[in-house]
PDB file of all heavy atoms in Angstrom:
ATOM      1  N   PHE A   1      21.735  17.279   9.395  1.00  0.00           N
ATOM      2  CA  PHE A   1      20.241  17.190   9.099  1.00  0.00           C
ATOM      3  C   PHE A   1      19.984  16.919   7.493  1.00  0.00           C
ATOM      4  O   PHE A   1      20.570  17.648   6.783  1.00  0.00           O
ATOM      5  CB  PHE A   1      19.370  18.264   9.653  1.00  0.00           C
ATOM      6  CG  PHE A   1      17.929  18.202   9.134  1.00  0.00           C
ATOM      7  CD1 PHE A   1      17.046  17.339   9.809  1.00  0.00           C
ATOM      8  CD2 PHE A   1      17.512  19.036   8.081  1.00  0.00           C
ATOM      9  CE1 PHE A   1      15.754  17.271   9.351  1.00  0.00           C
ATOM     10  CE2 PHE A   1      16.220  19.048   7.737  1.00  0.00           C
ATOM     11  CZ  PHE A   1      15.274  18.162   8.324  1.00  0.00           C
ATOM     12  N   VAL A   2      19.173  15.921   7.262  1.00  0.00           N
ATOM     13  CA  VAL A   2      18.854  15.677   5.885  1.00  0.00           C
ATOM     14  C   VAL A   2      17.346  15.955   5.615  1.00  0.00           C
ATOM     15  O   VAL A   2      17.039  16.707   4.719  1.00  0.00           O
ATOM     16  CB  VAL A   2      19.231  14.247   5.369  1.00  0.00           C
ATOM     17  CG1 VAL A   2      18.789  13.992   4.071  1.00  0.00           C
ATOM     18  CG2 VAL A   2      20.668  13.938   5.585  1.00  0.00           C
ATOM     19  N   ALA A   3      16.528  15.275   6.334  1.00  0.00           N
ATOM     20  CA  ALA A   3      15.079  15.428   6.048  1.00  0.00           C
ATOM     21  C   ALA A   3      14.309  14.965   7.363  1.00  0.00           C
ATOM     22  O   ALA A   3      14.754  14.224   8.174  1.00  0.00           O
ATOM     23  CB  ALA A   3      14.685  14.524   4.905  1.00  0.00           C
ATOM     24  N   THR A   4      12.989  15.499   7.342  1.00  0.00           N
ATOM     25  CA  THR A   4      12.113  15.163   8.545  1.00  0.00           C
ATOM     26  C   THR A   4      10.720  15.006   8.002  1.00  0.00           C
ATOM     27  O   THR A   4      10.426  15.619   6.941  1.00  0.00           O
ATOM     28  CB  THR A   4      12.104  16.234   9.672  1.00  0.00           C
ATOM     29  OG1 THR A   4      11.360  15.705  10.732  1.00  0.00           O
ATOM     30  CG2 THR A   4      11.592  17.496   9.156  1.00  0.00           C
ATOM     31  N   ILE A   5       9.998  14.094   8.609  1.00  0.00           N
ATOM     32  CA  ILE A   5       8.574  13.953   8.234  1.00  0.00           C
ATOM     33  C   ILE A   5       7.776  13.828   9.563  1.00  0.00           C
ATOM     34  O   ILE A   5       8.121  13.111  10.502  1.00  0.00           O
ATOM     35  CB  ILE A   5       8.378  12.706   7.344  1.00  0.00           C
ATOM     36  CG1 ILE A   5       6.976  12.655   6.817  1.00  0.00           C
ATOM     37  CG2 ILE A   5       8.825  11.386   8.027  1.00  0.00           C
ATOM     38  CD1 ILE A   5       6.813  11.653   5.742  1.00  0.00           C
ATOM     39  N   GLY A   6       6.538  14.563   9.574  1.00  0.00           N
ATOM     40  CA  GLY A   6       5.691  14.550  10.731  1.00  0.00           C
ATOM     41  C   GLY A   6       4.625  13.509  10.633  1.00  0.00           C
ATOM     42  O   GLY A   6       4.611  12.714   9.742  1.00  0.00           O
ATOM     43  N   LEU A   7       3.720  13.554  11.686  1.00  0.00           N
ATOM     44  CA  LEU A   7       2.712  12.495  11.714  1.00  0.00           C
ATOM     45  C   LEU A   7       1.756  12.563  10.543  1.00  0.00           C
ATOM     46  O   LEU A   7       1.222  11.481  10.185  1.00  0.00           O
ATOM     47  CB  LEU A   7       1.952  12.761  13.067  1.00  0.00           C
ATOM     48  CG  LEU A   7       2.696  12.442  14.379  1.00  0.00           C
ATOM     49  CD1 LEU A   7       1.867  12.896  15.494  1.00  0.00           C
ATOM     50  CD2 LEU A   7       3.121  10.973  14.380  1.00  0.00           C
ATOM     51  N   ASN A   8       1.457  13.653  10.058  1.00  0.00           N
ATOM     52  CA  ASN A   8       0.491  13.810   8.915  1.00  0.00           C
ATOM     53  C   ASN A   8       1.200  13.878   7.528  1.00  0.00           C
ATOM     54  O   ASN A   8       0.523  14.171   6.511  1.00  0.00           O
ATOM     55  CB  ASN A   8      -0.365  15.074   9.146  1.00  0.00           C
ATOM     56  CG  ASN A   8       0.327  16.341   9.158  1.00  0.00           C
ATOM     57  OD1 ASN A   8       1.520  16.405   9.042  1.00  0.00           O
ATOM     58  ND2 ASN A   8      -0.385  17.435   9.194  1.00  0.00           N
ATOM     59  N   GLY A   9       2.433  13.567   7.524  1.00  0.00           N
ATOM     60  CA  GLY A   9       3.250  13.565   6.303  1.00  0.00           C
ATOM     61  C   GLY A   9       3.848  14.881   5.900  1.00  0.00           C
ATOM     62  O   GLY A   9       4.595  14.919   4.893  1.00  0.00           O
ATOM     63  N   ASP A  10       3.741  15.891   6.647  1.00  0.00           N
ATOM     64  CA  ASP A  10       4.508  17.126   6.452  1.00  0.00           C
ATOM     65  C   ASP A  10       5.929  16.877   6.447  1.00  0.00           C
ATOM     66  O   ASP A  10       6.442  16.151   7.404  1.00  0.00           O
ATOM     67  CB  ASP A  10       4.164  18.223   7.520  1.00  0.00           C
ATOM     68  CG  ASP A  10       2.707  18.687   7.402  1.00  0.00           C
ATOM     69  OD1 ASP A  10       2.122  18.483   6.341  1.00  0.00           O
ATOM     70  OD2 ASP A  10       2.142  19.294   8.398  1.00  0.00           O
ATOM     71  N   HIS A  11       6.673  17.448   5.590  1.00  0.00           N
ATOM     72  CA  HIS A  11       8.131  17.199   5.543  1.00  0.00           C
ATOM     73  C   HIS A  11       8.939  18.478   5.154  1.00  0.00           C
ATOM     74  O   HIS A  11       8.465  19.488   4.759  1.00  0.00           O
ATOM     75  CB  HIS A  11       8.337  16.154   4.360  1.00  0.00           C
ATOM     76  CG  HIS A  11       7.623  16.504   2.981  1.00  0.00           C
ATOM     77  ND1 HIS A  11       8.037  17.488   2.164  1.00  0.00           N
ATOM     78  CD2 HIS A  11       6.498  16.028   2.537  1.00  0.00           C
ATOM     79  CE1 HIS A  11       7.295  17.548   1.158  1.00  0.00           C
ATOM     80  NE2 HIS A  11       6.255  16.680   1.323  1.00  0.00           N
ATOM     81  N   TYR A  12      10.202  18.269   5.499  1.00  0.00           N
ATOM     82  CA  TYR A  12      11.168  19.364   5.241  1.00  0.00           C
ATOM     83  C   TYR A  12      12.462  18.813   4.974  1.00  0.00           C
ATOM     84  O   TYR A  12      12.887  17.771   5.541  1.00  0.00           O
ATOM     85  CB  TYR A  12      11.238  20.239   6.650  1.00  0.00           C
ATOM     86  CG  TYR A  12      12.292  21.372   6.475  1.00  0.00           C
ATOM     87  CD1 TYR A  12      11.982  22.568   5.814  1.00  0.00           C
ATOM     88  CD2 TYR A  12      13.481  21.228   6.971  1.00  0.00           C
ATOM     89  CE1 TYR A  12      12.941  23.626   5.689  1.00  0.00           C
ATOM     90  CE2 TYR A  12      14.512  22.249   6.857  1.00  0.00           C
ATOM     91  CZ  TYR A  12      14.252  23.464   6.127  1.00  0.00           C
ATOM     92  OH  TYR A  12      15.053  24.481   6.030  1.00  0.00           O
ATOM     93  N   TYR A  13      13.246  19.441   4.069  1.00  0.00           N
ATOM     94  CA  TYR A  13      14.554  18.953   3.597  1.00  0.00           C
ATOM     95  C   TYR A  13      15.608  20.049   3.752  1.00  0.00           C
ATOM     96  O   TYR A  13      15.320  21.182   3.539  1.00  0.00           O
ATOM     97  CB  TYR A  13      14.520  18.529   2.098  1.00  0.00           C
ATOM     98  CG  TYR A  13      13.371  17.438   1.817  1.00  0.00           C
ATOM     99  CD1 TYR A  13      12.146  17.830   1.418  1.00  0.00           C
ATOM    100  CD2 TYR A  13      13.814  16.162   1.922  1.00  0.00           C
ATOM    101  CE1 TYR A  13      11.140  16.810   1.137  1.00  0.00           C
ATOM    102  CE2 TYR A  13      12.808  15.210   1.572  1.00  0.00           C
ATOM    103  CZ  TYR A  13      11.497  15.547   1.222  1.00  0.00           C
ATOM    104  OH  TYR A  13      10.632  14.540   0.922  1.00  0.00           O
ATOM    105  N   ASP A  14      16.866  19.575   4.039  1.00  0.00           N
ATOM    106  CA  ASP A  14      17.870  20.358   3.819  1.00  0.00           C
ATOM    107  C   ASP A  14      17.991  20.895   2.284  1.00  0.00           C
ATOM    108  O   ASP A  14      17.733  20.068   1.443  1.00  0.00           O
ATOM    109  CB  ASP A  14      19.279  19.707   4.324  1.00  0.00           C
ATOM    110  CG  ASP A  14      20.491  20.526   4.189  1.00  0.00           C
ATOM    111  OD1 ASP A  14      20.562  21.435   5.032  1.00  0.00           O
ATOM    112  OD2 ASP A  14      21.141  20.356   3.299  1.00  0.00           O
ATOM    113  N   GLU A  15      18.579  22.087   2.210  1.00  0.00           N
ATOM    114  CA  GLU A  15      18.630  22.659   0.870  1.00  0.00           C
ATOM    115  C   GLU A  15      19.578  21.811  -0.109  1.00  0.00           C
ATOM    116  O   GLU A  15      19.382  21.836  -1.337  1.00  0.00           O
ATOM    117  CB  GLU A  15      19.126  24.097   0.905  1.00  0.00           C
ATOM    118  CG  GLU A  15      18.137  24.960   1.439  1.00  0.00           C
ATOM    119  CD  GLU A  15      16.877  25.186   0.517  1.00  0.00           C
ATOM    120  OE1 GLU A  15      16.947  25.081  -0.703  1.00  0.00           O
ATOM    121  OE2 GLU A  15      15.871  25.296   1.050  1.00  0.00           O
ATOM    122  N   ALA A  16      20.589  21.099   0.499  1.00  0.00           N
ATOM    123  CA  ALA A  16      21.416  20.366  -0.319  1.00  0.00           C
ATOM    124  C   ALA A  16      20.814  19.095  -0.966  1.00  0.00           C
ATOM    125  O   ALA A  16      21.279  18.563  -1.922  1.00  0.00           O
ATOM    126  CB  ALA A  16      22.675  19.795   0.591  1.00  0.00           C
ATOM    127  N   VAL A  17      19.705  18.580  -0.409  1.00  0.00           N
ATOM    128  CA  VAL A  17      19.023  17.509  -0.936  1.00  0.00           C
ATOM    129  C   VAL A  17      17.692  17.782  -1.575  1.00  0.00           C
ATOM    130  O   VAL A  17      16.981  16.923  -2.180  1.00  0.00           O
ATOM    131  CB  VAL A  17      18.954  16.333   0.030  1.00  0.00           C
ATOM    132  CG1 VAL A  17      20.306  16.093   0.650  1.00  0.00           C
ATOM    133  CG2 VAL A  17      17.967  16.741   1.161  1.00  0.00           C
ATOM    134  N   LYS A  18      17.247  18.989  -1.331  1.00  0.00           N
ATOM    135  CA  LYS A  18      15.806  19.306  -1.745  1.00  0.00           C
ATOM    136  C   LYS A  18      15.632  19.083  -3.245  1.00  0.00           C
ATOM    137  O   LYS A  18      16.482  19.663  -4.034  1.00  0.00           O
ATOM    138  CB  LYS A  18      15.511  20.755  -1.387  1.00  0.00           C
ATOM    139  CG  LYS A  18      14.064  21.149  -1.310  1.00  0.00           C
ATOM    140  CD  LYS A  18      13.797  22.591  -0.804  1.00  0.00           C
ATOM    141  CE  LYS A  18      12.461  23.033  -0.641  1.00  0.00           C
ATOM    142  NZ  LYS A  18      12.248  24.219  -0.054  1.00  0.00           N
ATOM    143  N   GLY A  19      14.640  18.477  -3.665  1.00  0.00           N
ATOM    144  CA  GLY A  19      14.281  18.172  -5.088  1.00  0.00           C
ATOM    145  C   GLY A  19      14.828  16.792  -5.561  1.00  0.00           C
ATOM    146  O   GLY A  19      14.472  16.360  -6.677  1.00  0.00           O
ATOM    147  N   ARG A  20      15.793  16.322  -4.731  1.00  0.00           N
ATOM    148  CA  ARG A  20      16.402  15.037  -5.058  1.00  0.00           C
ATOM    149  C   ARG A  20      16.006  13.929  -4.211  1.00  0.00           C
ATOM    150  O   ARG A  20      15.903  12.742  -4.635  1.00  0.00           O
ATOM    151  CB  ARG A  20      17.920  15.171  -5.194  1.00  0.00           C
ATOM    152  CG  ARG A  20      18.412  16.125  -6.189  1.00  0.00           C
ATOM    153  CD  ARG A  20      19.977  16.100  -6.251  1.00  0.00           C
ATOM    154  NE  ARG A  20      20.609  16.520  -4.920  1.00  0.00           N
ATOM    155  CZ  ARG A  20      21.400  15.658  -4.217  1.00  0.00           C
ATOM    156  NH1 ARG A  20      21.735  14.486  -4.717  1.00  0.00           N
ATOM    157  NH2 ARG A  20      21.952  16.053  -3.065  1.00  0.00           N
ATOM    158  N   PHE A  21      15.793  14.227  -2.974  1.00  0.00           N
ATOM    159  CA  PHE A  21      15.452  13.169  -1.982  1.00  0.00           C
ATOM    160  C   PHE A  21      13.932  13.320  -1.559  1.00  0.00           C
ATOM    161  O   PHE A  21      13.408  14.426  -1.487  1.00  0.00           O
ATOM    162  CB  PHE A  21      16.362  13.385  -0.616  1.00  0.00           C
ATOM    163  CG  PHE A  21      17.714  13.028  -0.816  1.00  0.00           C
ATOM    164  CD1 PHE A  21      18.328  12.799  -2.073  1.00  0.00           C
ATOM    165  CD2 PHE A  21      18.531  12.949   0.327  1.00  0.00           C
ATOM    166  CE1 PHE A  21      19.657  12.477  -2.131  1.00  0.00           C
ATOM    167  CE2 PHE A  21      19.971  12.544   0.167  1.00  0.00           C
ATOM    168  CZ  PHE A  21      20.424  12.445  -1.102  1.00  0.00           C
ATOM    169  N   THR A  22      13.401  12.140  -1.152  1.00  0.00           N
ATOM    170  CA  THR A  22      12.023  12.305  -0.730  1.00  0.00           C
ATOM    171  C   THR A  22      11.896  11.264   0.486  1.00  0.00           C
ATOM    172  O   THR A  22      12.265  10.136   0.499  1.00  0.00           O
ATOM    173  CB  THR A  22      11.075  11.607  -1.846  1.00  0.00           C
ATOM    174  OG1 THR A  22      11.114  12.379  -3.003  1.00  0.00           O
ATOM    175  CG2 THR A  22       9.577  11.689  -1.317  1.00  0.00           C
ATOM    176  N   ILE A  23      11.384  11.874   1.594  1.00  0.00           N
ATOM    177  CA  ILE A  23      11.143  11.115   2.782  1.00  0.00           C
ATOM    178  C   ILE A  23       9.764  10.739   2.866  1.00  0.00           C
ATOM    179  O   ILE A  23       8.757  11.445   2.476  1.00  0.00           O
ATOM    180  CB  ILE A  23      11.569  12.007   3.999  1.00  0.00           C
ATOM    181  CG1 ILE A  23      11.562  11.092   5.251  1.00  0.00           C
ATOM    182  CG2 ILE A  23      10.697  13.253   4.157  1.00  0.00           C
ATOM    183  CD1 ILE A  23      12.080  11.838   6.478  1.00  0.00           C
ATOM    184  N   SER A  24       9.451   9.552   3.452  1.00  0.00           N
ATOM    185  CA  SER A  24       8.048   9.008   3.550  1.00  0.00           C
ATOM    186  C   SER A  24       8.082   8.129   4.812  1.00  0.00           C
ATOM    187  O   SER A  24       9.156   7.730   5.265  1.00  0.00           O
ATOM    188  CB  SER A  24       7.695   8.252   2.301  1.00  0.00           C
ATOM    189  OG  SER A  24       8.420   7.105   2.031  1.00  0.00           O
ATOM    190  N   ARG A  25       6.853   7.741   5.226  1.00  0.00           N
ATOM    191  CA  ARG A  25       6.765   6.973   6.431  1.00  0.00           C
ATOM    192  C   ARG A  25       5.473   6.031   6.179  1.00  0.00           C
ATOM    193  O   ARG A  25       4.526   6.332   5.486  1.00  0.00           O
ATOM    194  CB  ARG A  25       6.598   7.693   7.671  1.00  0.00           C
ATOM    195  CG  ARG A  25       5.300   8.634   7.760  1.00  0.00           C
ATOM    196  CD  ARG A  25       5.502   9.621   8.938  1.00  0.00           C
ATOM    197  NE  ARG A  25       5.304   8.856  10.203  1.00  0.00           N
ATOM    198  CZ  ARG A  25       5.527   9.483  11.360  1.00  0.00           C
ATOM    199  NH1 ARG A  25       6.082  10.758  11.378  1.00  0.00           N
ATOM    200  NH2 ARG A  25       5.510   8.803  12.567  1.00  0.00           N
ATOM    201  N   ASP A  26       5.539   4.895   6.877  1.00  0.00           N
ATOM    202  CA  ASP A  26       4.396   3.859   6.950  1.00  0.00           C
ATOM    203  C   ASP A  26       4.104   3.661   8.338  1.00  0.00           C
ATOM    204  O   ASP A  26       4.861   2.774   9.018  1.00  0.00           O
ATOM    205  CB  ASP A  26       4.848   2.612   6.173  1.00  0.00           C
ATOM    206  CG  ASP A  26       3.657   1.638   6.142  1.00  0.00           C
ATOM    207  OD1 ASP A  26       2.760   1.720   6.832  1.00  0.00           O
ATOM    208  OD2 ASP A  26       3.801   0.736   5.161  1.00  0.00           O
ATOM    209  N   SER A  27       3.112   4.200   8.856  1.00  0.00           N
ATOM    210  CA  SER A  27       2.848   4.154  10.308  1.00  0.00           C
ATOM    211  C   SER A  27       2.351   2.654  10.712  1.00  0.00           C
ATOM    212  O   SER A  27       2.665   2.260  11.851  1.00  0.00           O
ATOM    213  CB  SER A  27       1.743   5.189  10.652  1.00  0.00           C
ATOM    214  OG  SER A  27       2.105   6.422  10.534  1.00  0.00           O
TER     215      SER A  27
END
C-alpha cells in the first residue's frame, strides 16, 4: 500500500512516503 483518498478528499499514506507523496482526485 502507498496511499488512499476518499470521496471527500480524506487521505492516508504509508509511512515510507508520508511527506513526500501527495494523492489527489478529480471526480
